[in-house]
């Protein structure tokens, strides 16, 4: 059973910073893409940033220049550094992984989510 463990959410004032972390369980054998989506109340889930196994990153236009996604392949972990946070960044942030478990096919996996609240 592949699991994604998230940490780092919280409450911050506008202009502040937070760092999110997400670690995939040892049961995942290979990772193609890993990253973060977010969902605000009453809105659809949207891409924040992803990184492929060759290090290629993709960011939503709304976070470019403010957020940075990095990874530690050995630890199966991605980090989302969020700077210059705005009230519109308030959402539940969900870790995402496309990968293959040791005994299964390639699938999409999701974390439970971590709340990020930015006060103005």
N, C-alpha and C. Protein backbone atom coordinates (compact mmCIF):
# COMPACT_ATOMS: atom_id res chain seq x y z
N UNK A 1 0.84 -1.18 0.00
CA UNK A 1 0.00 0.00 0.00
C UNK A 1 0.89 1.24 0.00
N UNK A 2 0.79 2.02 -1.09
CA UNK A 2 1.58 3.24 -1.18
C UNK A 2 0.88 4.35 -0.41
N UNK A 3 1.63 5.04 0.43
CA UNK A 3 1.09 6.16 1.18
C UNK A 3 1.99 7.37 1.00
N UNK A 4 1.36 8.55 1.08
CA UNK A 4 2.08 9.82 1.00
C UNK A 4 1.87 10.56 2.32
N UNK A 5 2.96 10.90 2.97
CA UNK A 5 2.89 11.60 4.25
C UNK A 5 3.29 13.05 4.06
N UNK A 6 2.35 13.95 4.41
CA UNK A 6 2.55 15.38 4.22
C UNK A 6 2.80 16.06 5.55
N UNK A 7 3.52 17.16 5.49
CA UNK A 7 3.73 17.97 6.68
C UNK A 7 4.05 19.40 6.26
N UNK A 8 3.90 20.33 7.22
CA UNK A 8 4.35 21.70 6.99
C UNK A 8 3.28 22.75 6.80
N UNK A 9 2.02 22.36 6.78
CA UNK A 9 0.98 23.37 6.63
C UNK A 9 0.83 24.20 7.89
N UNK A 10 -0.03 25.21 7.82
CA UNK A 10 -0.27 26.03 8.99
C UNK A 10 -0.84 27.39 8.64
N UNK A 11 -0.80 28.28 9.62
CA UNK A 11 -1.32 29.64 9.47
C UNK A 11 -0.15 30.61 9.37
N UNK A 12 -0.23 31.49 8.39
CA UNK A 12 0.85 32.46 8.19
C UNK A 12 0.24 33.77 7.70
N UNK A 13 0.90 34.87 7.99
CA UNK A 13 0.43 36.16 7.50
C UNK A 13 0.82 36.36 6.05
N UNK A 14 0.06 37.18 5.37
CA UNK A 14 0.38 37.49 3.98
C UNK A 14 1.80 38.04 3.89
N UNK A 15 2.51 37.56 2.88
CA UNK A 15 3.91 37.95 2.71
C UNK A 15 4.89 36.98 3.36
N UNK A 16 4.36 36.09 4.17
CA UNK A 16 5.20 35.12 4.86
C UNK A 16 5.52 33.90 4.02
N UNK A 17 6.17 32.93 4.67
CA UNK A 17 6.63 31.73 3.99
C UNK A 17 6.24 30.48 4.76
N UNK A 18 6.10 29.39 4.03
CA UNK A 18 5.90 28.06 4.58
C UNK A 18 6.62 27.06 3.68
N UNK A 19 6.98 25.93 4.27
CA UNK A 19 7.54 24.85 3.47
C UNK A 19 6.77 23.57 3.73
N UNK A 20 6.28 22.97 2.66
CA UNK A 20 5.57 21.70 2.74
C UNK A 20 6.52 20.57 2.33
N UNK A 21 6.33 19.43 2.99
CA UNK A 21 7.09 18.24 2.64
C UNK A 21 6.14 17.08 2.38
N UNK A 22 6.53 16.21 1.50
CA UNK A 22 5.74 15.01 1.22
C UNK A 22 6.70 13.86 0.96
N UNK A 23 6.49 12.77 1.69
CA UNK A 23 7.34 11.58 1.54
C UNK A 23 6.50 10.39 1.14
N UNK A 24 6.94 9.71 0.11
CA UNK A 24 6.26 8.48 -0.32
C UNK A 24 6.78 7.30 0.48
N UNK A 25 5.89 6.36 0.74
CA UNK A 25 6.25 5.20 1.55
C UNK A 25 7.24 4.31 0.81
N UNK A 26 7.90 3.44 1.59
CA UNK A 26 8.91 2.55 1.02
C UNK A 26 8.32 1.57 0.02
N UNK A 27 7.00 1.38 0.08
CA UNK A 27 6.36 0.41 -0.80
C UNK A 27 6.29 0.88 -2.26
N UNK A 28 6.67 2.11 -2.53
CA UNK A 28 6.67 2.57 -3.91
C UNK A 28 8.04 2.26 -4.53
N UNK A 29 8.00 1.62 -5.67
CA UNK A 29 9.23 1.15 -6.30
C UNK A 29 9.84 2.20 -7.23
N UNK A 30 8.99 2.92 -7.94
CA UNK A 30 9.50 3.94 -8.85
C UNK A 30 8.50 5.09 -8.94
N UNK A 31 9.05 6.30 -9.11
CA UNK A 31 8.23 7.51 -9.17
C UNK A 31 8.45 8.19 -10.51
N UNK A 32 7.36 8.50 -11.20
CA UNK A 32 7.45 9.24 -12.45
C UNK A 32 7.31 10.74 -12.23
N UNK A 33 6.29 11.10 -11.46
CA UNK A 33 5.99 12.51 -11.18
C UNK A 33 5.56 12.63 -9.73
N UNK A 34 5.95 13.72 -9.11
CA UNK A 34 5.53 13.98 -7.74
C UNK A 34 5.33 15.49 -7.59
N UNK A 35 4.39 15.86 -6.73
CA UNK A 35 4.18 17.29 -6.56
C UNK A 35 2.98 17.62 -5.71
N UNK A 36 2.40 18.79 -5.96
CA UNK A 36 1.32 19.31 -5.12
C UNK A 36 0.19 19.88 -5.97
N UNK A 37 -1.02 19.61 -5.50
CA UNK A 37 -2.22 20.27 -5.97
C UNK A 37 -2.83 20.97 -4.77
N UNK A 38 -3.82 21.83 -5.03
CA UNK A 38 -4.52 22.46 -3.93
C UNK A 38 -5.99 22.63 -4.26
N UNK A 39 -6.79 22.71 -3.20
CA UNK A 39 -8.22 22.89 -3.37
C UNK A 39 -8.73 23.84 -2.32
N UNK A 40 -9.27 24.95 -2.77
CA UNK A 40 -9.87 25.93 -1.88
C UNK A 40 -11.37 25.65 -1.77
N UNK A 41 -12.01 26.11 -0.71
CA UNK A 41 -13.45 25.86 -0.53
C UNK A 41 -14.25 26.36 -1.73
N UNK A 42 -15.11 25.50 -2.26
CA UNK A 42 -15.96 25.87 -3.37
C UNK A 42 -15.28 25.92 -4.72
N UNK A 43 -14.01 25.51 -4.77
CA UNK A 43 -13.27 25.55 -6.02
C UNK A 43 -12.78 24.17 -6.41
N UNK A 44 -12.43 24.02 -7.68
CA UNK A 44 -11.89 22.75 -8.14
C UNK A 44 -10.44 22.60 -7.73
N UNK A 45 -10.02 21.35 -7.66
CA UNK A 45 -8.62 21.06 -7.38
C UNK A 45 -7.78 21.58 -8.54
N UNK A 46 -6.64 22.21 -8.21
CA UNK A 46 -5.79 22.76 -9.25
C UNK A 46 -4.33 22.42 -8.99
N UNK A 47 -3.59 22.34 -10.08
CA UNK A 47 -2.15 22.08 -10.01
C UNK A 47 -1.45 23.24 -9.34
N UNK A 48 -0.49 22.91 -8.47
CA UNK A 48 0.41 23.91 -7.92
C UNK A 48 1.77 23.76 -8.59
N UNK A 49 2.37 22.58 -8.43
CA UNK A 49 3.68 22.34 -9.02
C UNK A 49 3.95 20.84 -9.03
N UNK A 50 4.65 20.38 -10.07
CA UNK A 50 5.07 18.99 -10.14
C UNK A 50 6.52 18.92 -10.60
N UNK A 51 7.14 17.77 -10.32
CA UNK A 51 8.50 17.53 -10.75
C UNK A 51 8.60 16.09 -11.24
N UNK A 52 9.25 15.89 -12.38
CA UNK A 52 9.39 14.56 -12.93
C UNK A 52 10.65 13.89 -12.40
N UNK A 53 10.82 12.61 -12.75
CA UNK A 53 11.97 11.88 -12.24
C UNK A 53 13.28 12.37 -12.84
N UNK A 54 13.22 13.16 -13.92
CA UNK A 54 14.45 13.73 -14.46
C UNK A 54 14.64 15.18 -14.01
N UNK A 55 13.79 15.63 -13.08
CA UNK A 55 13.96 16.94 -12.48
C UNK A 55 13.24 18.09 -13.17
N UNK A 56 12.45 17.79 -14.18
CA UNK A 56 11.70 18.84 -14.86
C UNK A 56 10.53 19.30 -14.01
N UNK A 57 10.44 20.61 -13.80
CA UNK A 57 9.37 21.16 -12.97
C UNK A 57 8.31 21.85 -13.81
N UNK A 58 7.11 21.89 -13.26
CA UNK A 58 5.98 22.55 -13.90
C UNK A 58 5.23 23.31 -12.81
N UNK A 59 4.98 24.59 -13.02
CA UNK A 59 4.32 25.41 -12.01
C UNK A 59 3.06 26.05 -12.57
N UNK A 60 2.07 26.24 -11.71
CA UNK A 60 0.93 27.04 -12.07
C UNK A 60 1.39 28.49 -12.24
N UNK A 61 0.77 29.20 -13.17
CA UNK A 61 1.16 30.59 -13.42
C UNK A 61 1.05 31.44 -12.15
N UNK A 62 0.06 31.13 -11.35
CA UNK A 62 -0.22 31.95 -10.16
C UNK A 62 0.86 31.84 -9.08
N UNK A 63 1.72 30.81 -9.17
CA UNK A 63 2.74 30.63 -8.13
C UNK A 63 4.16 30.81 -8.66
N UNK A 64 4.32 30.97 -9.96
CA UNK A 64 5.65 31.13 -10.54
C UNK A 64 6.35 32.33 -9.92
N UNK A 65 7.61 32.12 -9.57
CA UNK A 65 8.40 33.19 -8.95
C UNK A 65 8.24 33.27 -7.45
N UNK A 66 7.25 32.57 -6.90
CA UNK A 66 7.02 32.61 -5.45
C UNK A 66 7.24 31.24 -4.80
N UNK A 67 6.86 30.18 -5.52
CA UNK A 67 6.98 28.82 -4.99
C UNK A 67 8.11 28.10 -5.70
N UNK A 68 8.80 27.23 -4.95
CA UNK A 68 9.85 26.41 -5.54
C UNK A 68 9.68 24.98 -5.08
N UNK A 69 9.64 24.07 -6.05
CA UNK A 69 9.49 22.65 -5.77
C UNK A 69 10.84 21.97 -5.98
N UNK A 70 11.24 21.19 -5.01
CA UNK A 70 12.48 20.43 -5.12
C UNK A 70 12.25 19.01 -4.63
N UNK A 71 13.24 18.15 -4.86
CA UNK A 71 13.05 16.75 -4.46
C UNK A 71 14.35 16.16 -3.95
N UNK A 72 14.17 15.14 -3.14
CA UNK A 72 15.27 14.29 -2.71
C UNK A 72 14.90 12.89 -3.13
N UNK A 73 15.44 12.44 -4.25
CA UNK A 73 15.05 11.15 -4.80
C UNK A 73 15.33 9.99 -3.87
N UNK A 74 16.45 10.05 -3.19
CA UNK A 74 16.81 8.95 -2.29
C UNK A 74 15.80 8.81 -1.16
N UNK A 75 15.26 9.94 -0.71
CA UNK A 75 14.29 9.93 0.39
C UNK A 75 12.86 9.86 -0.11
N UNK A 76 12.67 9.86 -1.45
CA UNK A 76 11.33 9.83 -2.03
C UNK A 76 10.49 10.98 -1.46
N UNK A 77 11.09 12.13 -1.40
CA UNK A 77 10.48 13.30 -0.77
C UNK A 77 10.53 14.50 -1.69
N UNK A 78 9.45 15.28 -1.69
CA UNK A 78 9.45 16.56 -2.38
C UNK A 78 9.18 17.66 -1.36
N UNK A 79 9.72 18.83 -1.65
CA UNK A 79 9.58 19.99 -0.78
C UNK A 79 9.00 21.14 -1.60
N UNK A 80 8.01 21.81 -1.05
CA UNK A 80 7.44 22.98 -1.71
C UNK A 80 7.72 24.18 -0.83
N UNK A 81 8.64 25.02 -1.25
CA UNK A 81 8.94 26.26 -0.54
C UNK A 81 8.02 27.34 -1.07
N UNK A 82 7.21 27.90 -0.19
CA UNK A 82 6.22 28.89 -0.58
C UNK A 82 6.58 30.24 0.05
N UNK A 83 6.92 31.21 -0.77
CA UNK A 83 7.28 32.55 -0.30
C UNK A 83 6.26 33.56 -0.80
N UNK A 84 6.28 34.73 -0.18
CA UNK A 84 5.38 35.83 -0.57
C UNK A 84 3.94 35.34 -0.66
N UNK A 85 3.52 34.63 0.36
CA UNK A 85 2.18 34.03 0.34
C UNK A 85 1.10 35.10 0.33
N UNK A 86 0.02 34.77 -0.38
CA UNK A 86 -1.13 35.66 -0.52
C UNK A 86 -2.36 34.98 0.04
N UNK A 87 -3.38 35.77 0.34
CA UNK A 87 -4.60 35.19 0.89
C UNK A 87 -5.21 34.19 -0.08
N UNK A 88 -5.04 34.41 -1.37
CA UNK A 88 -5.61 33.48 -2.36
C UNK A 88 -4.86 32.17 -2.44
N UNK A 89 -3.76 32.03 -1.71
CA UNK A 89 -3.07 30.75 -1.62
C UNK A 89 -3.69 29.84 -0.57
N UNK A 90 -4.63 30.37 0.19
CA UNK A 90 -5.30 29.57 1.21
C UNK A 90 -6.05 28.41 0.58
N UNK A 91 -5.74 27.20 1.05
CA UNK A 91 -6.34 25.99 0.48
C UNK A 91 -5.82 24.78 1.24
N UNK A 92 -6.42 23.65 0.95
CA UNK A 92 -5.86 22.37 1.36
C UNK A 92 -4.88 21.95 0.26
N UNK A 93 -3.66 21.68 0.64
CA UNK A 93 -2.62 21.28 -0.31
C UNK A 93 -2.47 19.76 -0.24
N UNK A 94 -2.59 19.13 -1.40
CA UNK A 94 -2.57 17.68 -1.48
C UNK A 94 -1.33 17.22 -2.25
N UNK A 95 -0.61 16.30 -1.64
CA UNK A 95 0.54 15.72 -2.31
C UNK A 95 0.07 14.72 -3.37
N UNK A 96 0.77 14.70 -4.49
CA UNK A 96 0.43 13.82 -5.60
C UNK A 96 1.66 13.05 -6.05
N UNK A 97 1.42 11.79 -6.43
CA UNK A 97 2.52 10.98 -6.93
C UNK A 97 1.99 10.04 -8.00
N UNK A 98 2.68 10.00 -9.12
CA UNK A 98 2.42 8.97 -10.13
C UNK A 98 3.59 8.03 -10.09
N UNK A 99 3.31 6.78 -9.71
CA UNK A 99 4.39 5.84 -9.57
C UNK A 99 3.88 4.42 -9.50
N UNK A 100 4.83 3.53 -9.30
CA UNK A 100 4.50 2.11 -9.28
C UNK A 100 4.90 1.50 -7.95
N UNK A 101 3.94 0.82 -7.33
CA UNK A 101 4.23 0.06 -6.14
C UNK A 101 5.04 -1.17 -6.48
N UNK A 102 5.59 -1.83 -5.48
CA UNK A 102 6.49 -2.97 -5.72
C UNK A 102 5.78 -4.12 -6.42
N UNK A 103 4.50 -4.26 -6.19
CA UNK A 103 3.78 -5.40 -6.74
C UNK A 103 2.64 -4.99 -7.66
N UNK A 104 2.54 -3.71 -8.00
CA UNK A 104 1.37 -3.27 -8.74
C UNK A 104 1.71 -2.45 -9.96
N UNK A 105 0.66 -1.97 -10.65
CA UNK A 105 0.84 -1.14 -11.84
C UNK A 105 1.15 0.30 -11.46
N UNK A 106 1.42 1.12 -12.46
CA UNK A 106 1.63 2.55 -12.25
C UNK A 106 0.28 3.21 -12.00
N UNK A 107 0.19 3.96 -10.91
CA UNK A 107 -1.07 4.59 -10.51
C UNK A 107 -0.82 6.01 -10.02
N UNK A 108 -1.91 6.74 -9.88
CA UNK A 108 -1.86 8.05 -9.22
C UNK A 108 -2.20 7.88 -7.74
N UNK A 109 -1.41 8.50 -6.90
CA UNK A 109 -1.63 8.42 -5.46
C UNK A 109 -1.77 9.83 -4.91
N UNK A 110 -2.58 9.95 -3.84
CA UNK A 110 -2.84 11.24 -3.23
C UNK A 110 -2.64 11.17 -1.73
N UNK A 111 -2.12 12.25 -1.17
CA UNK A 111 -2.06 12.39 0.27
C UNK A 111 -3.39 12.85 0.82
N UNK A 112 -3.48 12.93 2.13
CA UNK A 112 -4.73 13.36 2.76
C UNK A 112 -4.90 14.88 2.72
N UNK A 113 -3.84 15.59 2.55
CA UNK A 113 -3.92 17.04 2.46
C UNK A 113 -3.46 17.73 3.73
N UNK A 114 -2.91 18.91 3.57
CA UNK A 114 -2.50 19.74 4.70
C UNK A 114 -3.01 21.16 4.47
N UNK A 115 -3.58 21.75 5.51
CA UNK A 115 -4.22 23.06 5.38
C UNK A 115 -3.17 24.17 5.42
N UNK A 116 -3.27 25.07 4.45
CA UNK A 116 -2.46 26.29 4.45
C UNK A 116 -3.44 27.47 4.50
N UNK A 117 -3.29 28.30 5.51
CA UNK A 117 -4.15 29.46 5.66
C UNK A 117 -3.29 30.72 5.72
N UNK A 118 -3.57 31.64 4.83
CA UNK A 118 -2.83 32.90 4.77
C UNK A 118 -3.76 34.03 5.18
N UNK A 119 -3.42 34.70 6.26
CA UNK A 119 -4.25 35.80 6.75
C UNK A 119 -3.77 37.12 6.17
N UNK A 120 -4.74 37.95 5.83
CA UNK A 120 -4.38 39.25 5.23
C UNK A 120 -4.31 40.35 6.26
